[in-house]
């Protein structure tokens, strides 16, 4: 069954435009409340966190109205990272957790992510059931007047998360002597990330910690590391850490100003955990977007790279199904299931810092473990509501031609984004000229199909 509201990472769109409107948010609250309330007579609880977008002030009360109308009590965290909401959903024994965020997108977008009582993102089946309830009559979900829920804010959610994250750092180690630049993307971790690093002993230089409702991910954060690189070089820092708007992904910048992506970080953590004997299985889980270089590096360690479709939720599902405890995406979503149920940028950064501290070497020597195969990614935007460019015969023919041109010496992946109206075209292989030629072949066809639609 096709999902009408949910994409690969919850519901997402432009704020105050369908489906990211107060009405839809209220329907989510009513439907999800109905779906996760059991028949017993106890009080049911939902926790809600958000990032720093202006539209959070609009969507948070709409969700609250829906949940309380369904009979659920609501605890509001305020600005808090997505992984913190997942952790506290379990810690507070809530029936449901909600995060209001559009992750790395600009401020004009927002999204609704849902977590079950176990702290994991909902399954496809659960989301489909919620959609069915959203489109039914609202009166069917309203509780009696004496069963209405109550809403309250708690002030210690940030402190709880800081302590949880600090506890994942090896107790025998300290960050004392390290100068670290933290870029919180003017997002959800703008308070907690600098505090956690400082309390572990680091000298902390902060950027991207002045949210105003509009500047989340604006020329800062994991999708734009220019400011972080400048700060690392200016202050002669040992490294820089860039989070995204909801702090579930991370990019590291070494002392020379070079970016280290999620593939390199997963390789480092996998190697370290193998040496420590803490890998639950000889391998990790990543998506089809991860570089061929990562696969080859892991193979050299006799570790398997198990691939999934794009989306950290699918990585987590495969990790749970097959018993892996390390997984993630090239973009910096890194899931360490010993500690968290979803991607956590700060937590992953601390695991990398532990390896750096133990080695006594600079980040540039520790964090780059393999040379990535030439990989090119192009995005083509199309207009929602128009014919799908991926269904055009010319596009299908171009994909076949591009695959043939790589002659088995590379990979081609063409897919629609699950969060934006984009067709993403990725190719990689040892021959960069062939890779770029394959990309150009497909891009030309997709652009023409999008314009013709």
Protein backbone atom coordinates (compact mmCIF):
# COMPACT_ATOMS: atom_id res chain seq x y z
CA UNK A 1 0.00 0.00 0.00
CA UNK A 2 1.35 3.43 -0.96
CA UNK A 3 1.79 5.84 1.95
CA UNK A 4 0.10 9.20 1.48
CA UNK A 5 1.79 11.18 4.26
CA UNK A 6 4.91 9.35 5.46
CA UNK A 7 8.17 9.27 3.51
CA UNK A 8 11.46 7.61 4.41
CA UNK A 9 11.80 9.75 7.54
CA UNK A 10 8.37 10.66 8.81
CA UNK A 11 6.13 13.36 7.36
CA UNK A 12 7.97 16.31 5.86
CA UNK A 13 7.17 19.40 3.83
CA UNK A 14 7.07 23.19 3.69
CA UNK A 15 5.69 24.66 6.89
CA UNK A 16 2.08 25.86 6.71
CA UNK A 17 1.56 24.10 3.39
CA UNK A 18 -0.05 20.68 3.05
CA UNK A 19 0.87 18.29 4.56
CA UNK A 20 2.86 20.31 7.08
CA UNK A 21 -0.13 22.23 8.44
CA UNK A 22 -1.65 22.51 11.92
CA UNK A 23 -4.66 20.49 10.76
CA UNK A 24 -2.54 17.58 9.61
CA UNK A 25 -0.44 17.77 12.79
CA UNK A 26 -3.59 17.59 14.90
CA UNK A 27 -4.78 14.60 12.86
CA UNK A 28 -1.43 12.91 13.45
CA UNK A 29 -1.89 13.44 17.18
CA UNK A 30 -5.42 12.04 17.17
CA UNK A 31 -4.55 9.07 14.94
CA UNK A 32 -1.25 8.16 16.60
CA UNK A 33 -2.84 8.60 20.00
CA UNK A 34 -5.62 6.21 19.05
CA UNK A 35 -3.11 3.73 17.58
CA UNK A 36 -0.86 3.63 20.65
CA UNK A 37 -3.42 3.76 23.45
CA UNK A 38 -4.18 0.39 24.93
CA UNK A 39 -7.48 -0.69 26.44
CA UNK A 40 -6.30 -0.58 30.06
CA UNK A 41 -7.33 2.23 32.37
CA UNK A 42 -3.86 3.73 32.96
CA UNK A 43 -2.79 7.18 31.80
CA UNK A 44 -1.03 7.07 28.43
CA UNK A 45 1.94 9.32 27.67
CA UNK A 46 3.51 10.88 24.58
CA UNK A 47 6.72 12.94 24.64
CA UNK A 48 7.40 15.69 22.08
CA UNK A 49 10.70 17.31 21.18
CA UNK A 50 11.55 19.79 18.45
CA UNK A 51 14.41 21.61 16.80
CA UNK A 52 14.70 25.39 16.53
CA UNK A 53 12.54 26.15 13.47
CA UNK A 54 10.00 28.94 13.75
CA UNK A 55 7.24 26.58 12.62
CA UNK A 56 7.80 24.42 15.70
CA UNK A 57 5.77 26.96 17.65
CA UNK A 58 2.84 26.28 15.30
CA UNK A 59 3.05 22.50 15.02
CA UNK A 60 3.82 21.65 18.65
CA UNK A 61 0.50 22.94 20.06
CA UNK A 62 -1.42 21.37 17.16
CA UNK A 63 0.09 17.96 17.94
CA UNK A 64 -0.58 18.52 21.64
CA UNK A 65 -4.23 19.29 20.90
CA UNK A 66 -4.58 16.08 18.93
CA UNK A 67 -2.95 13.87 21.55
CA UNK A 68 -4.82 15.37 24.48
CA UNK A 69 -8.11 15.12 22.56
CA UNK A 70 -7.38 11.42 22.07
CA UNK A 71 -6.82 11.09 25.83
CA UNK A 72 -3.00 11.01 26.02
CA UNK A 73 -0.92 13.05 28.45
CA UNK A 74 1.83 15.07 26.78
CA UNK A 75 5.33 15.94 28.00
CA UNK A 76 7.02 18.72 26.05
CA UNK A 77 10.82 18.80 25.92
CA UNK A 78 11.42 21.91 23.85
CA UNK A 79 14.57 21.95 21.64
CA UNK A 80 16.25 18.56 21.89
CA UNK A 81 18.09 16.24 19.45
CA UNK A 82 16.13 13.52 17.70
CA UNK A 83 18.14 10.70 19.38
CA UNK A 84 17.42 12.26 22.77
CA UNK A 85 13.68 12.03 22.10
CA UNK A 86 14.11 8.36 21.17
CA UNK A 87 16.11 7.68 24.35
CA UNK A 88 13.71 9.52 26.64
CA UNK A 89 10.68 7.84 25.09
CA UNK A 90 11.99 4.61 26.58
CA UNK A 91 13.40 6.18 29.74
CA UNK A 92 10.10 7.82 30.68
CA UNK A 93 8.12 4.70 29.70
CA UNK A 94 6.13 6.73 27.19
CA UNK A 95 3.78 5.08 24.73
CA UNK A 96 5.02 7.23 21.88
CA UNK A 97 7.71 9.79 21.06
CA UNK A 98 7.49 12.62 18.54
CA UNK A 99 10.22 14.81 17.05
CA UNK A 100 9.37 17.95 15.11
CA UNK A 101 12.21 18.48 12.66
CA UNK A 102 13.13 18.52 8.99
CA UNK A 103 16.66 17.43 9.88
CA UNK A 104 19.20 19.03 7.50
CA UNK A 105 16.61 20.98 5.46
CA UNK A 106 16.31 24.76 5.61
CA UNK A 107 14.09 26.51 8.16
CA UNK A 108 11.04 26.74 5.87
CA UNK A 109 10.55 22.97 6.03
CA UNK A 110 9.50 20.91 9.00
CA UNK A 111 8.64 17.31 9.72
CA UNK A 112 7.05 14.89 12.16
CA UNK A 113 9.01 11.80 13.20
CA UNK A 114 7.38 9.16 15.40
CA UNK A 115 9.01 6.67 17.76
CA UNK A 116 7.37 3.67 19.36
CA UNK A 117 7.61 2.88 23.09
CA UNK A 118 10.83 0.95 22.40
CA UNK A 119 12.49 4.12 21.04
CA UNK A 120 12.62 2.86 17.44
CA UNK A 121 11.07 4.60 14.44
CA UNK A 122 7.74 3.14 13.47
CA UNK A 123 7.40 0.32 10.97
CA UNK A 124 5.79 0.84 7.58
CA UNK A 125 2.73 -1.05 8.79
CA UNK A 126 2.32 1.21 11.83
CA UNK A 127 2.61 4.33 9.66
CA UNK A 128 0.03 2.97 7.21
CA UNK A 129 -2.35 2.29 10.08
CA UNK A 130 -1.88 5.86 11.37
CA UNK A 131 -2.58 7.21 7.89
CA UNK A 132 -5.79 5.21 7.73
CA UNK A 133 -6.89 6.67 11.05
CA UNK A 134 -5.89 10.19 9.97
CA UNK A 135 -8.24 9.99 7.01
CA UNK A 136 -11.18 8.59 8.98
CA UNK A 137 -13.75 10.67 10.82
CA UNK A 138 -12.12 12.71 13.60
CA UNK A 139 -15.09 12.12 15.91
CA UNK A 140 -14.12 8.44 16.09
CA UNK A 141 -10.90 9.30 17.96
CA UNK A 142 -12.16 11.89 20.45
CA UNK A 143 -12.21 10.81 24.09
CA UNK A 144 -14.81 11.66 26.72
CA UNK A 145 -14.44 15.00 28.55
CA UNK A 146 -13.23 13.31 31.74
CA UNK A 147 -10.56 11.37 29.80
CA UNK A 148 -8.84 14.34 28.17
CA UNK A 149 -5.06 14.39 28.43
CA UNK A 150 -2.90 16.97 30.19
CA UNK A 151 0.21 18.70 28.86
CA UNK A 152 3.28 19.83 30.77
CA UNK A 153 6.87 20.83 30.08
CA UNK A 154 9.87 19.32 31.82
CA UNK A 155 13.09 21.24 32.32
CA UNK A 156 15.65 18.49 32.80
CA UNK A 157 15.40 16.69 29.44
CA UNK A 158 18.59 18.29 28.13
CA UNK A 159 20.53 17.42 31.29
CA UNK A 160 19.29 13.83 31.14
CA UNK A 161 20.49 13.46 27.56
CA UNK A 162 23.89 14.98 28.33
CA UNK A 163 24.45 12.45 31.10
CA UNK A 164 23.34 9.54 28.90
CA UNK A 165 25.72 10.56 26.10
CA UNK A 166 28.66 11.19 28.45
CA UNK A 167 28.22 7.69 29.87
CA UNK A 168 28.99 6.19 26.44
CA UNK A 169 32.51 7.67 26.49
CA UNK A 170 35.08 5.29 28.05
CA UNK A 171 35.41 6.20 31.73
CA UNK A 172 39.19 5.83 31.76
CA UNK A 173 39.54 8.49 29.03
CA UNK A 174 39.22 12.26 29.03
CA UNK A 175 39.06 14.96 26.37
CA UNK A 176 41.39 17.15 28.43
CA UNK A 177 44.01 18.74 26.19
CA UNK A 178 41.85 18.65 23.06
CA UNK A 179 40.58 21.84 21.45
CA UNK A 180 37.33 21.05 19.66
CA UNK A 181 35.12 23.24 17.50
CA UNK A 182 31.47 22.20 17.70
CA UNK A 183 29.02 23.36 15.03
CA UNK A 184 25.45 22.70 16.17
CA UNK A 185 23.85 24.03 12.95
CA UNK A 186 21.80 26.50 15.02
CA UNK A 187 19.66 23.46 15.68
CA UNK A 188 18.42 21.10 18.34
CA UNK A 189 21.83 20.38 19.93
CA UNK A 190 22.91 23.99 20.35
CA UNK A 191 22.92 23.64 24.14
CA UNK A 192 23.62 19.96 24.82
CA UNK A 193 26.54 19.32 22.46
CA UNK A 194 28.91 22.01 23.82
CA UNK A 195 28.02 21.08 27.40
CA UNK A 196 28.75 17.36 26.90
CA UNK A 197 32.13 18.05 25.29
CA UNK A 198 33.10 20.57 27.98
CA UNK A 199 32.13 18.29 30.83
CA UNK A 200 34.27 15.51 29.32
CA UNK A 201 37.27 17.83 29.54
CA UNK A 202 37.61 19.48 26.12
CA UNK A 203 38.34 23.10 25.36
CA UNK A 204 35.23 23.94 23.37
CA UNK A 205 34.82 26.57 20.66
CA UNK A 206 31.19 27.01 19.64
CA UNK A 207 29.64 28.01 16.32
CA UNK A 208 26.09 27.50 15.08
CA UNK A 209 24.70 27.91 18.60
CA UNK A 210 22.59 31.04 18.15
CA UNK A 211 19.23 29.90 16.72
CA UNK A 212 16.70 32.56 15.81
CA UNK A 213 14.02 30.39 14.19
CA UNK A 214 15.31 31.07 10.68
CA UNK A 215 19.02 30.19 10.63
CA UNK A 216 18.94 26.44 11.25
CA UNK A 217 21.36 24.74 8.78
CA UNK A 218 22.05 28.16 7.24
CA UNK A 219 25.71 28.08 6.12
CA UNK A 220 26.50 25.88 9.11
CA UNK A 221 26.12 22.26 10.11
CA UNK A 222 26.97 18.94 8.54
CA UNK A 223 25.68 19.92 5.09
CA UNK A 224 27.81 23.08 4.91
CA UNK A 225 31.12 22.71 6.74
CA UNK A 226 32.82 25.85 5.40
CA UNK A 227 32.38 27.79 8.64
CA UNK A 228 33.59 24.81 10.66
CA UNK A 229 36.70 24.38 8.52
CA UNK A 230 37.50 28.09 8.86
CA UNK A 231 37.08 27.91 12.64
CA UNK A 232 39.24 24.79 12.99
CA UNK A 233 42.08 26.45 11.09
CA UNK A 234 41.62 29.85 12.78
CA UNK A 235 41.72 28.47 16.32
CA UNK A 236 44.21 25.70 15.52
CA UNK A 237 41.76 23.15 16.85
CA UNK A 238 42.45 19.45 17.01
CA UNK A 239 39.23 18.78 15.12
CA UNK A 240 35.75 20.04 14.42
CA UNK A 241 32.37 18.36 14.82
CA UNK A 242 29.41 19.35 12.62
CA UNK A 243 25.91 18.20 13.49
CA UNK A 244 22.75 18.78 11.46
CA UNK A 245 19.56 20.49 12.52
CA UNK A 246 18.25 17.64 14.68
CA UNK A 247 21.71 16.24 15.55
CA UNK A 248 21.17 12.73 14.23
CA UNK A 249 24.07 13.00 11.78
CA UNK A 250 27.69 14.11 12.05
CA UNK A 251 30.64 15.14 9.89
CA UNK A 252 34.13 15.49 11.34
CA UNK A 253 36.72 18.02 10.14
CA UNK A 254 40.34 17.17 10.95
CA UNK A 255 43.01 19.61 12.12
CA UNK A 256 43.96 20.33 8.49
CA UNK A 257 40.41 21.31 7.55
CA UNK A 258 39.57 18.11 5.66
CA UNK A 259 36.04 16.67 5.94
CA UNK A 260 35.58 13.09 7.10
CA UNK A 261 32.24 11.60 6.07
CA UNK A 262 30.09 8.88 7.53
CA UNK A 263 31.76 6.09 5.53
CA UNK A 264 35.17 6.87 7.04
CA UNK A 265 33.67 7.20 10.53
CA UNK A 266 31.87 3.86 10.24
CA UNK A 267 35.12 2.26 9.08
CA UNK A 268 36.95 3.69 12.09
CA UNK A 269 34.34 2.59 14.60
CA UNK A 270 34.06 -0.87 13.03
CA UNK A 271 37.83 -1.35 13.15
CA UNK A 272 38.02 -0.11 16.76
CA UNK A 273 35.10 -2.23 17.92
CA UNK A 274 36.52 -5.29 16.18
CA UNK A 275 39.81 -4.78 18.03
CA UNK A 276 37.93 -4.34 21.31
CA UNK A 277 35.77 -7.39 20.68
CA UNK A 278 32.55 -5.39 20.88
CA UNK A 279 31.20 -6.02 17.36
CA UNK A 280 28.24 -8.34 17.73
CA UNK A 281 28.73 -9.64 14.18
CA UNK A 282 31.70 -9.46 11.79
CA UNK A 283 30.39 -6.55 9.76
CA UNK A 284 28.25 -3.44 9.61
CA UNK A 285 25.10 -2.27 7.83
CA UNK A 286 25.11 0.68 5.42
CA UNK A 287 23.05 1.84 2.46
CA UNK A 288 23.54 1.50 -1.27
CA UNK A 289 25.02 5.02 -1.20
CA UNK A 290 28.09 4.03 0.81
CA UNK A 291 31.33 4.10 -1.14
CA UNK A 292 32.93 1.06 -2.72
CA UNK A 293 36.09 2.02 -0.84
CA UNK A 294 34.35 1.31 2.47
CA UNK A 295 33.34 -2.14 1.27
CA UNK A 296 36.88 -2.92 0.18
CA UNK A 297 38.37 -1.66 3.46
CA UNK A 298 36.01 -3.78 5.53
CA UNK A 299 36.72 -6.79 3.35
CA UNK A 300 40.39 -6.36 4.21
CA UNK A 301 39.42 -6.63 7.88
CA UNK A 302 37.30 -9.70 7.07
CA UNK A 303 34.20 -7.70 7.86
CA UNK A 304 31.05 -7.70 5.75
CA UNK A 305 29.25 -4.62 4.44
CA UNK A 306 25.55 -5.40 4.31
CA UNK A 307 23.66 -2.84 2.22
CA UNK A 308 20.08 -1.58 2.49
CA UNK A 309 17.97 0.95 0.62
CA UNK A 310 18.52 4.60 1.53
CA UNK A 311 17.15 5.71 4.88
CA UNK A 312 18.51 5.21 8.38
CA UNK A 313 15.27 3.47 9.38
CA UNK A 314 16.07 0.67 6.92
CA UNK A 315 19.60 0.43 8.28
CA UNK A 316 18.19 0.05 11.78
CA UNK A 317 15.66 -2.56 10.65
CA UNK A 318 18.42 -4.68 9.10
CA UNK A 319 20.67 -4.22 12.12
CA UNK A 320 17.90 -5.51 14.38
CA UNK A 321 16.97 -8.36 12.07
CA UNK A 322 20.52 -9.62 11.55
CA UNK A 323 22.08 -8.71 14.90
CA UNK A 324 24.57 -5.99 13.88
CA UNK A 325 25.42 -3.22 16.33
CA UNK A 326 27.10 -0.72 13.96
CA UNK A 327 25.46 0.82 10.93
CA UNK A 328 24.77 4.07 9.17
CA UNK A 329 24.89 6.23 6.10
CA UNK A 330 27.57 8.09 4.20
CA UNK A 331 25.79 11.33 5.12
CA UNK A 332 26.74 10.83 8.77
CA UNK A 333 23.74 9.03 10.25
CA UNK A 334 25.57 6.52 12.42
CA UNK A 335 23.64 4.05 14.56
CA UNK A 336 25.40 2.35 17.46
CA UNK A 337 22.74 0.09 18.87
CA UNK A 338 24.68 -0.64 22.06
CA UNK A 339 23.77 2.92 23.04
CA UNK A 340 20.94 4.25 20.86
CA UNK A 341 17.99 3.19 18.74
CA UNK A 342 18.58 5.77 16.01
CA UNK A 343 21.34 7.90 14.49
CA UNK A 344 23.12 10.10 17.03
CA UNK A 345 25.74 12.54 15.77
CA UNK A 346 27.14 13.52 19.16
CA UNK A 347 27.33 9.95 20.41
CA UNK A 348 29.13 8.83 17.22
CA UNK A 349 31.56 11.74 17.52
CA UNK A 350 32.45 10.63 21.04
CA UNK A 351 33.29 7.14 19.80
CA UNK A 352 35.60 8.68 17.20
CA UNK A 353 37.16 10.94 19.85
CA UNK A 354 37.81 7.90 22.03
CA UNK A 355 39.89 6.32 19.25
CA UNK A 356 41.79 9.57 18.69
CA UNK A 357 42.56 9.97 22.40
CA UNK A 358 43.72 6.37 22.73
CA UNK A 359 45.94 6.62 19.65
CA UNK A 360 47.60 9.88 20.64
CA UNK A 361 47.65 10.79 16.95
CA UNK A 362 46.01 13.69 15.10
CA UNK A 363 42.59 13.25 13.55
CA UNK A 364 44.01 13.43 10.02
CA UNK A 365 46.03 10.25 10.66
CA UNK A 366 43.35 8.40 12.58
CA UNK A 367 40.16 9.11 10.65
CA UNK A 368 41.06 8.55 7.00
CA UNK A 369 41.32 4.80 6.57
CA UNK A 370 40.72 4.32 2.86
CA UNK A 371 40.74 6.20 -0.44
CA UNK A 372 37.16 6.36 -1.69
CA UNK A 373 36.41 5.22 -5.20
CA UNK A 374 35.44 8.12 -7.49
CA UNK A 375 31.78 8.79 -6.75
CA UNK A 376 29.56 11.46 -8.28
CA UNK A 377 26.11 12.46 -7.08
CA UNK A 378 23.75 14.77 -8.98
CA UNK A 379 20.27 15.90 -7.95
CA UNK A 380 17.52 16.88 -10.38
CA UNK A 381 14.50 18.69 -8.95
CA UNK A 382 11.05 17.99 -10.37
CA UNK A 383 7.64 19.46 -9.70
CA UNK A 384 5.35 17.59 -7.36
CA UNK A 385 2.07 16.51 -8.89
CA UNK A 386 3.51 16.21 -12.39
CA UNK A 387 4.21 12.84 -14.10
CA UNK A 388 7.04 10.90 -12.50
CA UNK A 389 10.24 11.51 -14.54
CA UNK A 390 11.50 8.09 -13.45
CA UNK A 391 8.69 6.49 -15.49
CA UNK A 392 9.73 8.16 -18.75
CA UNK A 393 10.93 5.70 -21.39
CA UNK A 394 13.87 7.95 -22.25
CA UNK A 395 15.03 7.91 -18.62
CA UNK A 396 14.78 4.12 -18.41
CA UNK A 397 16.76 3.81 -21.64
CA UNK A 398 19.40 6.25 -20.37
CA UNK A 399 19.80 4.22 -17.16
CA UNK A 400 20.32 1.04 -19.16
CA UNK A 401 22.90 2.76 -21.38
CA UNK A 402 24.75 4.20 -18.38
CA UNK A 403 24.86 0.81 -16.66
CA UNK A 404 26.24 -0.77 -19.80
CA UNK A 405 28.92 1.94 -20.09
CA UNK A 406 30.26 1.08 -16.64
CA UNK A 407 30.80 -2.48 -17.92
CA UNK A 408 30.57 -4.08 -14.52
CA UNK A 409 33.38 -1.91 -13.15
CA UNK A 410 31.16 0.43 -11.18
CA UNK A 411 27.72 1.07 -9.75
CA UNK A 412 24.82 3.27 -10.85
CA UNK A 413 21.97 4.19 -8.54
CA UNK A 414 19.03 6.35 -9.64
CA UNK A 415 16.27 6.97 -7.11
CA UNK A 416 13.73 9.50 -5.93
CA UNK A 417 14.41 11.20 -2.61
CA UNK A 418 12.07 10.17 0.16
CA UNK A 419 12.09 13.67 1.70
CA UNK A 420 12.29 16.13 -1.22
CA UNK A 421 11.04 16.27 -4.85
CA UNK A 422 14.43 15.23 -6.21
CA UNK A 423 15.79 12.48 -8.41
CA UNK A 424 19.18 11.47 -7.05
CA UNK A 425 21.70 10.05 -9.51
CA UNK A 426 24.81 8.38 -8.12
CA UNK A 427 27.58 6.54 -9.94
CA UNK A 428 30.92 5.26 -8.74
CA UNK A 429 33.79 3.19 -10.06
CA UNK A 430 37.54 3.17 -10.52
CA UNK A 431 37.37 5.09 -13.83
CA UNK A 432 36.20 8.61 -12.97
CA UNK A 433 35.70 9.58 -16.62
CA UNK A 434 33.28 6.70 -17.14
CA UNK A 435 31.50 7.56 -13.91
CA UNK A 436 30.95 11.17 -14.97
CA UNK A 437 29.82 10.09 -18.42
CA UNK A 438 27.24 7.73 -16.91
CA UNK A 439 25.95 10.50 -14.64
CA UNK A 440 25.67 12.95 -17.55
CA UNK A 441 23.74 10.44 -19.66
CA UNK A 442 21.09 9.89 -17.00
CA UNK A 443 20.93 13.50 -15.81
CA UNK A 444 20.25 14.80 -19.32
CA UNK A 445 17.34 12.40 -19.69
CA UNK A 446 15.87 13.16 -16.25
CA UNK A 447 16.11 16.93 -16.78
CA UNK A 448 14.33 16.61 -20.14
CA UNK A 449 11.61 14.39 -18.65
CA UNK A 450 11.07 16.79 -15.73
CA UNK A 451 10.70 19.77 -18.09
CA UNK A 452 8.34 17.87 -20.40
CA UNK A 453 6.08 16.75 -17.55
